[in-house]
């Protein structure tokens, strides 16, 4: 028994509002022209597969020997200058 009526908590009703004009336009076009056939979806999948295959081929390629020689030469020259500078600095 209580002398006062306790109020019940109100429910939290949050309705997010976000306006995306591109999405609305796309929905209108879909309603106007009907469902799109599966060709566009298949093209998207094929495009992703092609890009992944290109990426895999690029990873599998060996590094050209000229690049390895060039990098080694640059490192040797840098090491030579570093060692000569350290000797003259002392």
PDB file of N, CA and C in Angstrom:
ATOM      1  N   UNK A   1       0.831  -1.179   0.000  1.00  0.00           N
ATOM      2  CA  UNK A   1       0.000   0.000   0.000  1.00  0.00           C
ATOM      3  C   UNK A   1       0.877   1.244   0.000  1.00  0.00           C
ATOM      4  N   UNK A   2       0.513   2.152  -0.851  1.00  0.00           N
ATOM      5  CA  UNK A   2       1.254   3.402  -0.883  1.00  0.00           C
ATOM      6  C   UNK A   2       0.264   4.562  -0.919  1.00  0.00           C
ATOM      7  N   UNK A   3       0.703   5.662  -0.392  1.00  0.00           N
ATOM      8  CA  UNK A   3      -0.173   6.826  -0.353  1.00  0.00           C
ATOM      9  C   UNK A   3      -0.117   7.620  -1.658  1.00  0.00           C
ATOM     10  N   UNK A   4       0.999   7.516  -2.338  1.00  0.00           N
ATOM     11  CA  UNK A   4       1.158   8.255  -3.584  1.00  0.00           C
ATOM     12  C   UNK A   4       1.325   7.288  -4.751  1.00  0.00           C
ATOM     13  N   UNK A   5       0.829   7.718  -5.874  1.00  0.00           N
ATOM     14  CA  UNK A   5       0.972   6.900  -7.082  1.00  0.00           C
ATOM     15  C   UNK A   5       2.346   7.188  -7.702  1.00  0.00           C
ATOM     16  N   UNK A   6       3.178   6.171  -7.798  1.00  0.00           N
ATOM     17  CA  UNK A   6       4.513   6.360  -8.383  1.00  0.00           C
ATOM     18  C   UNK A   6       4.414   6.252  -9.902  1.00  0.00           C
ATOM     19  N   UNK A   7       4.987   7.191 -10.609  1.00  0.00           N
ATOM     20  CA  UNK A   7       4.907   7.141 -12.071  1.00  0.00           C
ATOM     21  C   UNK A   7       5.817   6.050 -12.623  1.00  0.00           C
ATOM     22  N   UNK A   8       5.365   5.431 -13.675  1.00  0.00           N
ATOM     23  CA  UNK A   8       6.167   4.401 -14.337  1.00  0.00           C
ATOM     24  C   UNK A   8       7.144   5.089 -15.293  1.00  0.00           C
ATOM     25  N   UNK A   9       8.301   4.505 -15.463  1.00  0.00           N
ATOM     26  CA  UNK A   9       9.275   5.144 -16.361  1.00  0.00           C
ATOM     27  C   UNK A   9       8.785   5.103 -17.813  1.00  0.00           C
ATOM     28  N   UNK A  10       9.074   6.187 -18.514  1.00  0.00           N
ATOM     29  CA  UNK A  10       8.688   6.242 -19.921  1.00  0.00           C
ATOM     30  C   UNK A  10       9.682   5.444 -20.759  1.00  0.00           C
ATOM     31  N   UNK A  11       9.185   4.889 -21.824  1.00  0.00           N
ATOM     32  CA  UNK A  11      10.050   4.137 -22.730  1.00  0.00           C
ATOM     33  C   UNK A  11      10.852   5.114 -23.573  1.00  0.00           C
ATOM     34  N   UNK A  12      12.063   4.716 -23.860  1.00  0.00           N
ATOM     35  CA  UNK A  12      12.929   5.524 -24.700  1.00  0.00           C
ATOM     36  C   UNK A  12      12.674   5.139 -26.139  1.00  0.00           C
ATOM     37  N   UNK A  13      12.154   6.051 -26.916  1.00  0.00           N
ATOM     38  CA  UNK A  13      11.863   5.781 -28.317  1.00  0.00           C
ATOM     39  C   UNK A  13      12.711   6.693 -29.181  1.00  0.00           C
ATOM     40  N   UNK A  14      13.770   6.156 -29.713  1.00  0.00           N
ATOM     41  CA  UNK A  14      14.671   6.924 -30.563  1.00  0.00           C
ATOM     42  C   UNK A  14      14.523   6.432 -31.987  1.00  0.00           C
ATOM     43  N   UNK A  15      14.134   7.328 -32.861  1.00  0.00           N
ATOM     44  CA  UNK A  15      14.029   6.987 -34.278  1.00  0.00           C
ATOM     45  C   UNK A  15      15.063   7.817 -35.023  1.00  0.00           C
ATOM     46  N   UNK A  16      16.155   7.189 -35.432  1.00  0.00           N
ATOM     47  CA  UNK A  16      17.194   7.966 -36.120  1.00  0.00           C
ATOM     48  C   UNK A  16      16.688   8.450 -37.477  1.00  0.00           C
ATOM     49  N   UNK A  17      17.068   9.666 -37.802  1.00  0.00           N
ATOM     50  CA  UNK A  17      16.690  10.234 -39.089  1.00  0.00           C
ATOM     51  C   UNK A  17      17.959  10.543 -39.865  1.00  0.00           C
ATOM     52  N   UNK A  18      18.034   9.957 -41.032  1.00  0.00           N
ATOM     53  CA  UNK A  18      19.182  10.196 -41.894  1.00  0.00           C
ATOM     54  C   UNK A  18      18.673  10.260 -43.313  1.00  0.00           C
ATOM     55  N   UNK A  19      18.975  11.311 -43.992  1.00  0.00           N
ATOM     56  CA  UNK A  19      18.504  11.489 -45.354  1.00  0.00           C
ATOM     57  C   UNK A  19      19.664  11.290 -46.314  1.00  0.00           C
ATOM     58  N   UNK A  20      19.539  10.286 -47.139  1.00  0.00           N
ATOM     59  CA  UNK A  20      20.547  10.022 -48.156  1.00  0.00           C
ATOM     60  C   UNK A  20      19.883  10.187 -49.518  1.00  0.00           C
ATOM     61  N   UNK A  21      20.135  11.292 -50.192  1.00  0.00           N
ATOM     62  CA  UNK A  21      19.450  11.532 -51.474  1.00  0.00           C
ATOM     63  C   UNK A  21      19.786  10.493 -52.541  1.00  0.00           C
ATOM     64  N   UNK A  22      21.022   9.990 -52.544  1.00  0.00           N
ATOM     65  CA  UNK A  22      21.392   8.980 -53.545  1.00  0.00           C
ATOM     66  C   UNK A  22      20.595   7.693 -53.333  1.00  0.00           C
ATOM     67  N   UNK A  23      20.469   7.294 -52.075  1.00  0.00           N
ATOM     68  CA  UNK A  23      19.747   6.065 -51.771  1.00  0.00           C
ATOM     69  C   UNK A  23      18.268   6.224 -52.139  1.00  0.00           C
ATOM     70  N   UNK A  24      17.713   7.385 -51.844  1.00  0.00           N
ATOM     71  CA  UNK A  24      16.310   7.618 -52.167  1.00  0.00           C
ATOM     72  C   UNK A  24      16.095   7.598 -53.679  1.00  0.00           C
ATOM     73  N   UNK A  25      17.009   8.194 -54.422  1.00  0.00           N
ATOM     74  CA  UNK A  25      16.908   8.199 -55.869  1.00  0.00           C
ATOM     75  C   UNK A  25      17.013   6.777 -56.424  1.00  0.00           C
ATOM     76  N   UNK A  26      17.927   5.993 -55.853  1.00  0.00           N
ATOM     77  CA  UNK A  26      18.083   4.605 -56.279  1.00  0.00           C
ATOM     78  C   UNK A  26      16.819   3.805 -56.001  1.00  0.00           C
ATOM     79  N   UNK A  27      16.217   4.019 -54.844  1.00  0.00           N
ATOM     80  CA  UNK A  27      14.980   3.311 -54.513  1.00  0.00           C
ATOM     81  C   UNK A  27      13.861   3.686 -55.485  1.00  0.00           C
ATOM     82  N   UNK A  28      13.782   4.955 -55.867  1.00  0.00           N
ATOM     83  CA  UNK A  28      12.768   5.388 -56.825  1.00  0.00           C
ATOM     84  C   UNK A  28      12.995   4.750 -58.190  1.00  0.00           C
ATOM     85  N   UNK A  29      14.255   4.665 -58.603  1.00  0.00           N
ATOM     86  CA  UNK A  29      14.559   4.035 -59.886  1.00  0.00           C
ATOM     87  C   UNK A  29      14.232   2.548 -59.861  1.00  0.00           C
ATOM     88  N   UNK A  30      14.527   1.903 -58.738  1.00  0.00           N
ATOM     89  CA  UNK A  30      14.192   0.479 -58.618  1.00  0.00           C
ATOM     90  C   UNK A  30      12.690   0.271 -58.704  1.00  0.00           C
ATOM     91  N   UNK A  31      11.921   1.144 -58.044  1.00  0.00           N
ATOM     92  CA  UNK A  31      10.470   1.023 -58.083  1.00  0.00           C
ATOM     93  C   UNK A  31       9.936   1.302 -59.488  1.00  0.00           C
ATOM     94  N   UNK A  32      10.573   2.227 -60.192  1.00  0.00           N
ATOM     95  CA  UNK A  32      10.104   2.601 -61.526  1.00  0.00           C
ATOM     96  C   UNK A  32      10.402   1.528 -62.568  1.00  0.00           C
ATOM     97  N   UNK A  33      11.631   0.991 -62.546  1.00  0.00           N
ATOM     98  CA  UNK A  33      12.059   0.060 -63.591  1.00  0.00           C
ATOM     99  C   UNK A  33      11.998  -1.405 -63.196  1.00  0.00           C
ATOM    100  N   UNK A  34      11.707  -1.701 -61.980  1.00  0.00           N
ATOM    101  CA  UNK A  34      11.610  -3.073 -61.555  1.00  0.00           C
ATOM    102  C   UNK A  34      12.952  -3.608 -61.078  1.00  0.00           C
ATOM    103  N   UNK A  35      12.984  -4.880 -60.735  1.00  0.00           N
ATOM    104  CA  UNK A  35      14.236  -5.449 -60.211  1.00  0.00           C
ATOM    105  C   UNK A  35      15.319  -5.528 -61.280  1.00  0.00           C
ATOM    106  N   UNK A  36      16.542  -5.362 -60.840  1.00  0.00           N
ATOM    107  CA  UNK A  36      17.690  -5.440 -61.738  1.00  0.00           C
ATOM    108  C   UNK A  36      18.100  -6.895 -61.866  1.00  0.00           C
ATOM    109  N   UNK A  37      18.450  -7.293 -63.089  1.00  0.00           N
ATOM    110  CA  UNK A  37      18.867  -8.679 -63.293  1.00  0.00           C
ATOM    111  C   UNK A  37      20.226  -8.919 -62.659  1.00  0.00           C
ATOM    112  N   UNK A  38      20.581 -10.172 -62.520  1.00  0.00           N
ATOM    113  CA  UNK A  38      21.796 -10.550 -61.813  1.00  0.00           C
ATOM    114  C   UNK A  38      23.097 -10.231 -62.515  1.00  0.00           C
ATOM    115  N   UNK A  39      23.071  -9.720 -63.741  1.00  0.00           N
ATOM    116  CA  UNK A  39      24.315  -9.463 -64.472  1.00  0.00           C
ATOM    117  C   UNK A  39      25.206  -8.462 -63.766  1.00  0.00           C
ATOM    118  N   UNK A  40      24.632  -7.407 -63.232  1.00  0.00           N
ATOM    119  CA  UNK A  40      25.466  -6.397 -62.579  1.00  0.00           C
ATOM    120  C   UNK A  40      26.131  -6.982 -61.336  1.00  0.00           C
ATOM    121  N   UNK A  41      25.415  -7.835 -60.626  1.00  0.00           N
ATOM    122  CA  UNK A  41      25.992  -8.457 -59.438  1.00  0.00           C
ATOM    123  C   UNK A  41      27.128  -9.394 -59.837  1.00  0.00           C
ATOM    124  N   UNK A  42      26.928 -10.153 -60.902  1.00  0.00           N
ATOM    125  CA  UNK A  42      27.975 -11.068 -61.355  1.00  0.00           C
ATOM    126  C   UNK A  42      29.199 -10.307 -61.833  1.00  0.00           C
ATOM    127  N   UNK A  43      28.983  -9.181 -62.509  1.00  0.00           N
ATOM    128  CA  UNK A  43      30.119  -8.375 -62.949  1.00  0.00           C
ATOM    129  C   UNK A  43      30.921  -7.893 -61.751  1.00  0.00           C
ATOM    130  N   UNK A  44      30.245  -7.519 -60.688  1.00  0.00           N
ATOM    131  CA  UNK A  44      30.936  -7.037 -59.492  1.00  0.00           C
ATOM    132  C   UNK A  44      31.787  -8.153 -58.898  1.00  0.00           C
ATOM    133  N   UNK A  45      31.242  -9.333 -58.839  1.00  0.00           N
ATOM    134  CA  UNK A  45      31.993 -10.463 -58.290  1.00  0.00           C
ATOM    135  C   UNK A  45      33.192 -10.761 -59.185  1.00  0.00           C
ATOM    136  N   UNK A  46      32.993 -10.771 -60.500  1.00  0.00           N
ATOM    137  CA  UNK A  46      34.087 -11.050 -61.422  1.00  0.00           C
ATOM    138  C   UNK A  46      35.167  -9.980 -61.319  1.00  0.00           C
ATOM    139  N   UNK A  47      34.770  -8.736 -61.141  1.00  0.00           N
ATOM    140  CA  UNK A  47      35.739  -7.658 -60.993  1.00  0.00           C
ATOM    141  C   UNK A  47      36.580  -7.876 -59.743  1.00  0.00           C
ATOM    142  N   UNK A  48      35.938  -8.250 -58.651  1.00  0.00           N
ATOM    143  CA  UNK A  48      36.686  -8.500 -57.417  1.00  0.00           C
ATOM    144  C   UNK A  48      37.649  -9.671 -57.595  1.00  0.00           C
ATOM    145  N   UNK A  49      37.190 -10.716 -58.270  1.00  0.00           N
ATOM    146  CA  UNK A  49      38.059 -11.868 -58.513  1.00  0.00           C
ATOM    147  C   UNK A  49      39.255 -11.470 -59.374  1.00  0.00           C
ATOM    148  N   UNK A  50      39.008 -10.688 -60.405  1.00  0.00           N
ATOM    149  CA  UNK A  50      40.088 -10.272 -61.293  1.00  0.00           C
ATOM    150  C   UNK A  50      41.111  -9.435 -60.542  1.00  0.00           C
ATOM    151  N   UNK A  51      40.635  -8.531 -59.697  1.00  0.00           N
ATOM    152  CA  UNK A  51      41.555  -7.694 -58.931  1.00  0.00           C
ATOM    153  C   UNK A  51      42.372  -8.545 -57.953  1.00  0.00           C
ATOM    154  N   UNK A  52      41.739  -9.522 -57.331  1.00  0.00           N
ATOM    155  CA  UNK A  52      42.454 -10.395 -56.401  1.00  0.00           C
ATOM    156  C   UNK A  52      43.488 -11.233 -57.143  1.00  0.00           C
ATOM    157  N   UNK A  53      43.134 -11.721 -58.341  1.00  0.00           N
ATOM    158  CA  UNK A  53      44.092 -12.500 -59.122  1.00  0.00           C
ATOM    159  C   UNK A  53      45.294 -11.655 -59.533  1.00  0.00           C
ATOM    160  N   UNK A  54      45.056 -10.390 -59.921  1.00  0.00           N
ATOM    161  CA  UNK A  54      46.162  -9.504 -60.262  1.00  0.00           C
ATOM    162  C   UNK A  54      47.066  -9.283 -59.059  1.00  0.00           C
ATOM    163  N   UNK A  55      46.446  -9.096 -57.907  1.00  0.00           N
ATOM    164  CA  UNK A  55      47.215  -8.874 -56.678  1.00  0.00           C
ATOM    165  C   UNK A  55      48.058 -10.102 -56.359  1.00  0.00           C
ATOM    166  N   UNK A  56      47.472 -11.290 -56.517  1.00  0.00           N
ATOM    167  CA  UNK A  56      48.204 -12.523 -56.254  1.00  0.00           C
ATOM    168  C   UNK A  56      49.373 -12.697 -57.217  1.00  0.00           C
ATOM    169  N   UNK A  57      49.157 -12.360 -58.497  1.00  0.00           N
ATOM    170  CA  UNK A  57      50.241 -12.465 -59.483  1.00  0.00           C
ATOM    171  C   UNK A  57      51.376 -11.518 -59.137  1.00  0.00           C
ATOM    172  N   UNK A  58      51.033 -10.324 -58.693  1.00  0.00           N
ATOM    173  CA  UNK A  58      52.045  -9.334 -58.340  1.00  0.00           C
ATOM    174  C   UNK A  58      52.879  -9.816 -57.161  1.00  0.00           C
ATOM    175  N   UNK A  59      52.229 -10.465 -56.203  1.00  0.00           N
ATOM    176  CA  UNK A  59      52.943 -10.965 -55.028  1.00  0.00           C
ATOM    177  C   UNK A  59      53.864 -12.118 -55.412  1.00  0.00           C
ATOM    178  N   UNK A  60      53.441 -12.962 -56.341  1.00  0.00           N
ATOM    179  CA  UNK A  60      54.215 -14.138 -56.713  1.00  0.00           C
ATOM    180  C   UNK A  60      55.426 -13.815 -57.581  1.00  0.00           C
ATOM    181  N   UNK A  61      55.451 -12.631 -58.216  1.00  0.00           N
ATOM    182  CA  UNK A  61      56.573 -12.279 -59.084  1.00  0.00           C
ATOM    183  C   UNK A  61      57.849 -12.137 -58.258  1.00  0.00           C
ATOM    184  N   UNK A  62      58.943 -12.692 -58.763  1.00  0.00           N
ATOM    185  CA  UNK A  62      60.209 -12.512 -58.043  1.00  0.00           C
ATOM    186  C   UNK A  62      60.743 -11.100 -58.239  1.00  0.00           C
ATOM    187  N   UNK A  63      61.542 -10.653 -57.291  1.00  0.00           N
ATOM    188  CA  UNK A  63      62.145  -9.331 -57.390  1.00  0.00           C
ATOM    189  C   UNK A  63      63.234  -9.390 -58.461  1.00  0.00           C
ATOM    190  N   UNK A  64      63.238  -8.457 -59.394  1.00  0.00           N
ATOM    191  CA  UNK A  64      64.262  -8.471 -60.447  1.00  0.00           C
ATOM    192  C   UNK A  64      65.670  -8.325 -59.857  1.00  0.00           C
ATOM    193  N   UNK A  65      66.615  -9.017 -60.466  1.00  0.00           N
ATOM    194  CA  UNK A  65      67.991  -9.025 -59.980  1.00  0.00           C
ATOM    195  C   UNK A  65      68.606  -7.632 -60.052  1.00  0.00           C
ATOM    196  N   UNK A  66      68.174  -6.825 -61.015  1.00  0.00           N
ATOM    197  CA  UNK A  66      68.720  -5.464 -61.123  1.00  0.00           C
ATOM    198  C   UNK A  66      68.354  -4.626 -59.912  1.00  0.00           C
ATOM    199  N   UNK A  67      67.152  -4.798 -59.397  1.00  0.00           N
ATOM    200  CA  UNK A  67      66.754  -4.062 -58.201  1.00  0.00           C
ATOM    201  C   UNK A  67      67.586  -4.490 -57.001  1.00  0.00           C
ATOM    202  N   UNK A  68      67.828  -5.779 -56.884  1.00  0.00           N
ATOM    203  CA  UNK A  68      68.611  -6.293 -55.763  1.00  0.00           C
ATOM    204  C   UNK A  68      70.033  -5.739 -55.821  1.00  0.00           C
ATOM    205  N   UNK A  69      70.625  -5.742 -57.026  1.00  0.00           N
ATOM    206  CA  UNK A  69      71.987  -5.223 -57.187  1.00  0.00           C
ATOM    207  C   UNK A  69      72.031  -3.732 -56.877  1.00  0.00           C
ATOM    208  N   UNK A  70      71.034  -2.984 -57.353  1.00  0.00           N
ATOM    209  CA  UNK A  70      70.988  -1.546 -57.106  1.00  0.00           C
ATOM    210  C   UNK A  70      70.856  -1.234 -55.612  1.00  0.00           C
ATOM    211  N   UNK A  71      69.993  -1.933 -54.932  1.00  0.00           N
ATOM    212  CA  UNK A  71      69.813  -1.719 -53.489  1.00  0.00           C
ATOM    213  C   UNK A  71      71.085  -2.070 -52.733  1.00  0.00           C
ATOM    214  N   UNK A  72      71.714  -3.180 -53.108  1.00  0.00           N
ATOM    215  CA  UNK A  72      72.955  -3.581 -52.442  1.00  0.00           C
ATOM    216  C   UNK A  72      74.049  -2.535 -52.667  1.00  0.00           C
ATOM    217  N   UNK A  73      74.137  -2.004 -53.883  1.00  0.00           N
ATOM    218  CA  UNK A  73      75.157  -0.990 -54.174  1.00  0.00           C
ATOM    219  C   UNK A  73      74.916   0.280 -53.361  1.00  0.00           C
ATOM    220  N   UNK A  74      73.678   0.718 -53.282  1.00  0.00           N
ATOM    221  CA  UNK A  74      73.355   1.918 -52.499  1.00  0.00           C
ATOM    222  C   UNK A  74      73.687   1.699 -51.026  1.00  0.00           C
ATOM    223  N   UNK A  75      73.365   0.532 -50.499  1.00  0.00           N
ATOM    224  CA  UNK A  75      73.680   0.233 -49.102  1.00  0.00           C
ATOM    225  C   UNK A  75      75.195   0.202 -48.858  1.00  0.00           C
ATOM    226  N   UNK A  76      75.942  -0.372 -49.800  1.00  0.00           N
ATOM    227  CA  UNK A  76      77.400  -0.424 -49.646  1.00  0.00           C
ATOM    228  C   UNK A  76      77.999   0.982 -49.672  1.00  0.00           C
ATOM    229  N   UNK A  77      77.520   1.827 -50.578  1.00  0.00           N
ATOM    230  CA  UNK A  77      78.024   3.201 -50.651  1.00  0.00           C
ATOM    231  C   UNK A  77      77.688   3.953 -49.372  1.00  0.00           C
ATOM    232  N   UNK A  78      76.472   3.782 -48.874  1.00  0.00           N
ATOM    233  CA  UNK A  78      76.076   4.445 -47.634  1.00  0.00           C
ATOM    234  C   UNK A  78      76.928   3.950 -46.467  1.00  0.00           C
ATOM    235  N   UNK A  79      77.198   2.659 -46.415  1.00  0.00           N
ATOM    236  CA  UNK A  79      78.039   2.097 -45.349  1.00  0.00           C
ATOM    237  C   UNK A  79      79.470   2.631 -45.451  1.00  0.00           C
ATOM    238  N   UNK A  80      79.997   2.740 -46.669  1.00  0.00           N
ATOM    239  CA  UNK A  80      81.342   3.266 -46.872  1.00  0.00           C
ATOM    240  C   UNK A  80      81.444   4.705 -46.354  1.00  0.00           C
ATOM    241  N   UNK A  81      80.478   5.560 -46.756  1.00  0.00           N
ATOM    242  CA  UNK A  81      80.507   6.944 -46.291  1.00  0.00           C
ATOM    243  C   UNK A  81      80.319   7.039 -44.786  1.00  0.00           C
ATOM    244  N   UNK A  82      79.495   6.195 -44.227  1.00  0.00           N
ATOM    245  CA  UNK A  82      79.281   6.199 -42.779  1.00  0.00           C
ATOM    246  C   UNK A  82      80.563   5.826 -42.049  1.00  0.00           C
ATOM    247  N   UNK A  83      81.239   4.782 -42.529  1.00  0.00           N
ATOM    248  CA  UNK A  83      82.473   4.350 -41.859  1.00  0.00           C
ATOM    249  C   UNK A  83      83.588   5.377 -42.018  1.00  0.00           C
ATOM    250  N   UNK A  84      83.713   5.999 -43.188  1.00  0.00           N
ATOM    251  CA  UNK A  84      84.755   7.014 -43.362  1.00  0.00           C
ATOM    252  C   UNK A  84      84.448   8.256 -42.528  1.00  0.00           C
ATOM    253  N   UNK A  85      83.196   8.596 -42.381  1.00  0.00           N
ATOM    254  CA  UNK A  85      82.834   9.753 -41.575  1.00  0.00           C
ATOM    255  C   UNK A  85      83.125   9.498 -40.097  1.00  0.00           C
ATOM    256  N   UNK A  86      82.849   8.284 -39.642  1.00  0.00           N
ATOM    257  CA  UNK A  86      83.104   7.934 -38.243  1.00  0.00           C
ATOM    258  C   UNK A  86      84.611   7.984 -37.952  1.00  0.00           C
ATOM    259  N   UNK A  87      85.443   7.524 -38.907  1.00  0.00           N
ATOM    260  CA  UNK A  87      86.895   7.540 -38.718  1.00  0.00           C
ATOM    261  C   UNK A  87      87.425   8.972 -38.643  1.00  0.00           C
ATOM    262  N   UNK A  88      86.926   9.844 -39.500  1.00  0.00           N
ATOM    263  CA  UNK A  88      87.411  11.225 -39.502  1.00  0.00           C
ATOM    264  C   UNK A  88      86.829  12.032 -38.344  1.00  0.00           C
ATOM    265  N   UNK A  89      85.736  11.603 -37.804  1.00  0.00           N
ATOM    266  CA  UNK A  89      85.083  12.336 -36.709  1.00  0.00           C
ATOM    267  C   UNK A  89      85.814  12.150 -35.393  1.00  0.00           C
ATOM    268  N   UNK A  90      86.477  11.023 -35.221  1.00  0.00           N
ATOM    269  CA  UNK A  90      87.159  10.721 -33.960  1.00  0.00           C
ATOM    270  C   UNK A  90      88.276  11.615 -33.763  1.00  0.00           C
TER     271      UNK A  90
END
